[in-house]
Amino acid sequence: MSTAVLSLSDVAVQSRIQFQVMFDVPQGSVVGPILFLLYTADLLKLIESHNLRPRAYDDDTQIYGFCCSSDALQLQLQMSVCVDEVALWMPSNRLLLNTAKTKVL
């Protein structure tokens, strides 16, 4: 566990808060991307368990599905169930799903 210091400066107020950080990877670290991939590997497996294909880049994940036009409703249901499970997985792994950037095409 490491210690972080947060300094807030304003014309009227200056304060300094010290707190313990439980999870830490220095920004710009060479191992940061590798650790993130390991951390989110279960997410990729979750998506694949729905017979869908994940694509991950940095902190963005895309979910792809392919079908014949006659199976479009089934794919829509698959995708909906998968996204619901991803939405449940995120907070349990201390991640935030940005619904403003979540789109279905």
C-alpha atoms as a PDB file:
ATOM      1  CA  MET A   1       0.000   0.000   0.000  1.00  0.00           C
ATOM      2  CA  SER A   2       1.328   3.430  -0.879  1.00  0.00           C
ATOM      3  CA  THR A   3       0.521   6.921   0.286  1.00  0.00           C
ATOM      4  CA  ALA A   4      -0.803   9.640  -1.993  1.00  0.00           C
ATOM      5  CA  VAL A   5      -1.017  13.327  -1.301  1.00  0.00           C
ATOM      6  CA  LEU A   6      -3.755  15.472  -2.790  1.00  0.00           C
ATOM      7  CA  SER A   7      -3.095  19.198  -2.760  1.00  0.00           C
ATOM      8  CA  LEU A   8      -5.877  21.668  -3.466  1.00  0.00           C
ATOM      9  CA  SER A   9      -5.014  25.299  -4.070  1.00  0.00           C
ATOM     10  CA  ASP A  10      -7.356  28.209  -4.299  1.00  0.00           C
ATOM     11  CA  VAL A  11      -6.908  31.917  -3.641  1.00  0.00           C
ATOM     12  CA  ALA A  12      -8.818  31.642  -0.366  1.00  0.00           C
ATOM     13  CA  VAL A  13      -8.123  28.048   0.647  1.00  0.00           C
ATOM     14  CA  GLN A  14      -5.099  25.801   0.576  1.00  0.00           C
ATOM     15  CA  SER A  15      -5.404  22.280   1.869  1.00  0.00           C
ATOM     16  CA  ARG A  16      -3.412  19.105   1.751  1.00  0.00           C
ATOM     17  CA  ILE A  17      -4.932  15.669   2.299  1.00  0.00           C
ATOM     18  CA  GLN A  18      -2.932  12.508   2.777  1.00  0.00           C
ATOM     19  CA  PHE A  19      -4.558   9.104   2.299  1.00  0.00           C
ATOM     20  CA  GLN A  20      -3.673   5.458   1.745  1.00  0.00           C
ATOM     21  CA  VAL A  21      -3.918   4.064  -1.786  1.00  0.00           C
ATOM     22  CA  MET A  22      -4.822   0.385  -1.906  1.00  0.00           C
ATOM     23  CA  PHE A  23      -4.364  -0.163  -5.663  1.00  0.00           C
ATOM     24  CA  ASP A  24      -1.607   1.583  -7.538  1.00  0.00           C
ATOM     25  CA  VAL A  25       0.259   1.417 -10.829  1.00  0.00           C
ATOM     26  CA  PRO A  26       2.328   4.477 -11.666  1.00  0.00           C
ATOM     27  CA  GLN A  27       0.958   6.371 -14.672  1.00  0.00           C
ATOM     28  CA  GLY A  28       3.117   5.778 -17.725  1.00  0.00           C
ATOM     29  CA  SER A  29       4.438   2.521 -16.305  1.00  0.00           C
ATOM     30  CA  VAL A  30       5.559  -0.071 -18.852  1.00  0.00           C
ATOM     31  CA  VAL A  31       3.670  -2.776 -16.965  1.00  0.00           C
ATOM     32  CA  GLY A  32       0.449  -0.716 -16.696  1.00  0.00           C
ATOM     33  CA  PRO A  33      -1.120  -1.937 -19.978  1.00  0.00           C
ATOM     34  CA  ILE A  34      -0.159  -5.544 -19.237  1.00  0.00           C
ATOM     35  CA  LEU A  35      -1.652  -5.384 -15.755  1.00  0.00           C
ATOM     36  CA  PHE A  36      -4.841  -3.849 -17.155  1.00  0.00           C
ATOM     37  CA  LEU A  37      -5.172  -6.676 -19.686  1.00  0.00           C
ATOM     38  CA  LEU A  38      -4.706  -9.237 -16.919  1.00  0.00           C
ATOM     39  CA  TYR A  39      -7.210  -7.373 -14.758  1.00  0.00           C
ATOM     40  CA  THR A  40      -9.837  -7.372 -17.509  1.00  0.00           C
ATOM     41  CA  ALA A  41      -9.184 -10.872 -18.919  1.00  0.00           C
ATOM     42  CA  ASP A  42     -12.322 -12.162 -17.192  1.00  0.00           C
ATOM     43  CA  LEU A  43     -14.358  -9.526 -19.016  1.00  0.00           C
ATOM     44  CA  LEU A  44     -13.168 -10.861 -22.359  1.00  0.00           C
ATOM     45  CA  LYS A  45     -14.024 -14.414 -21.285  1.00  0.00           C
ATOM     46  CA  LEU A  46     -17.471 -13.244 -20.166  1.00  0.00           C
ATOM     47  CA  ILE A  47     -18.146 -11.754 -23.597  1.00  0.00           C
ATOM     48  CA  GLU A  48     -16.886 -14.888 -25.360  1.00  0.00           C
ATOM     49  CA  SER A  49     -19.180 -17.026 -23.187  1.00  0.00           C
ATOM     50  CA  HIS A  50     -22.082 -15.392 -25.055  1.00  0.00           C
ATOM     51  CA  ASN A  51     -20.613 -16.468 -28.404  1.00  0.00           C
ATOM     52  CA  LEU A  52     -19.671 -12.871 -29.126  1.00  0.00           C
ATOM     53  CA  ARG A  53     -16.257 -11.437 -29.954  1.00  0.00           C
ATOM     54  CA  PRO A  54     -14.532  -8.836 -27.803  1.00  0.00           C
ATOM     55  CA  ARG A  55     -11.999  -6.319 -29.070  1.00  0.00           C
ATOM     56  CA  ALA A  56     -10.065  -4.449 -26.405  1.00  0.00           C
ATOM     57  CA  TYR A  57      -7.788  -1.472 -26.845  1.00  0.00           C
ATOM     58  CA  ASP A  58      -6.556   0.544 -23.881  1.00  0.00           C
ATOM     59  CA  ASP A  59      -9.612   1.029 -21.693  1.00  0.00           C
ATOM     60  CA  ASP A  60     -12.135   0.586 -24.531  1.00  0.00           C
ATOM     61  CA  THR A  61     -13.885  -2.699 -25.218  1.00  0.00           C
ATOM     62  CA  GLN A  62     -16.023  -3.448 -28.245  1.00  0.00           C
ATOM     63  CA  ILE A  63     -18.363  -6.400 -28.537  1.00  0.00           C
ATOM     64  CA  TYR A  64     -18.986  -7.853 -31.992  1.00  0.00           C
ATOM     65  CA  GLY A  65     -21.517 -10.363 -33.180  1.00  0.00           C
ATOM     66  CA  PHE A  66     -22.177 -11.692 -36.673  1.00  0.00           C
ATOM     67  CA  CYS A  67     -25.246 -13.419 -38.084  1.00  0.00           C
ATOM     68  CA  CYS A  68     -27.483 -13.887 -41.096  1.00  0.00           C
ATOM     69  CA  SER A  69     -30.283 -11.367 -41.388  1.00  0.00           C
ATOM     70  CA  SER A  70     -32.780 -14.072 -40.410  1.00  0.00           C
ATOM     71  CA  ASP A  71     -31.001 -14.448 -37.030  1.00  0.00           C
ATOM     72  CA  ALA A  72     -30.815 -10.719 -36.218  1.00  0.00           C
ATOM     73  CA  LEU A  73     -33.348 -10.904 -33.367  1.00  0.00           C
ATOM     74  CA  GLN A  74     -31.411 -13.751 -31.732  1.00  0.00           C
ATOM     75  CA  LEU A  75     -28.167 -11.750 -31.983  1.00  0.00           C
ATOM     76  CA  GLN A  76     -29.916  -8.716 -30.503  1.00  0.00           C
ATOM     77  CA  LEU A  77     -31.024 -10.813 -27.514  1.00  0.00           C
ATOM     78  CA  GLN A  78     -27.521 -12.299 -27.136  1.00  0.00           C
ATOM     79  CA  MET A  79     -25.990  -8.831 -27.185  1.00  0.00           C
ATOM     80  CA  SER A  80     -28.513  -7.457 -24.700  1.00  0.00           C
ATOM     81  CA  VAL A  81     -27.897 -10.260 -22.198  1.00  0.00           C
ATOM     82  CA  CYS A  82     -24.137  -9.882 -22.630  1.00  0.00           C
ATOM     83  CA  VAL A  83     -24.191  -6.112 -22.063  1.00  0.00           C
ATOM     84  CA  ASP A  84     -26.361  -6.610 -18.953  1.00  0.00           C
ATOM     85  CA  GLU A  85     -23.798  -9.070 -17.561  1.00  0.00           C
ATOM     86  CA  VAL A  86     -20.919  -6.726 -18.437  1.00  0.00           C
ATOM     87  CA  ALA A  87     -22.750  -3.940 -16.579  1.00  0.00           C
ATOM     88  CA  LEU A  88     -22.925  -6.213 -13.503  1.00  0.00           C
ATOM     89  CA  TRP A  89     -19.274  -7.302 -13.855  1.00  0.00           C
ATOM     90  CA  MET A  90     -17.879  -3.755 -14.007  1.00  0.00           C
ATOM     91  CA  PRO A  91     -18.667  -2.468 -10.467  1.00  0.00           C
ATOM     92  CA  SER A  92     -17.774  -5.812  -8.907  1.00  0.00           C
ATOM     93  CA  ASN A  93     -14.292  -5.275 -10.384  1.00  0.00           C
ATOM     94  CA  ARG A  94     -14.030  -1.604  -9.379  1.00  0.00           C
ATOM     95  CA  LEU A  95     -14.604  -0.359 -12.920  1.00  0.00           C
ATOM     96  CA  LEU A  96     -17.152   2.116 -14.236  1.00  0.00           C
ATOM     97  CA  LEU A  97     -19.219   1.552 -17.350  1.00  0.00           C
ATOM     98  CA  ASN A  98     -19.549   4.868 -19.140  1.00  0.00           C
ATOM     99  CA  THR A  99     -23.138   4.662 -20.375  1.00  0.00           C
ATOM    100  CA  ALA A 100     -22.724   7.924 -22.300  1.00  0.00           C
ATOM    101  CA  LYS A 101     -20.141   6.177 -24.501  1.00  0.00           C
ATOM    102  CA  THR A 102     -21.992   2.857 -24.717  1.00  0.00           C
ATOM    103  CA  LYS A 103     -23.595   2.383 -28.131  1.00  0.00           C
ATOM    104  CA  VAL A 104     -25.165  -0.382 -30.162  1.00  0.00           C
ATOM    105  CA  LEU A 105     -24.678  -0.164 -33.920  1.00  0.00           C
END
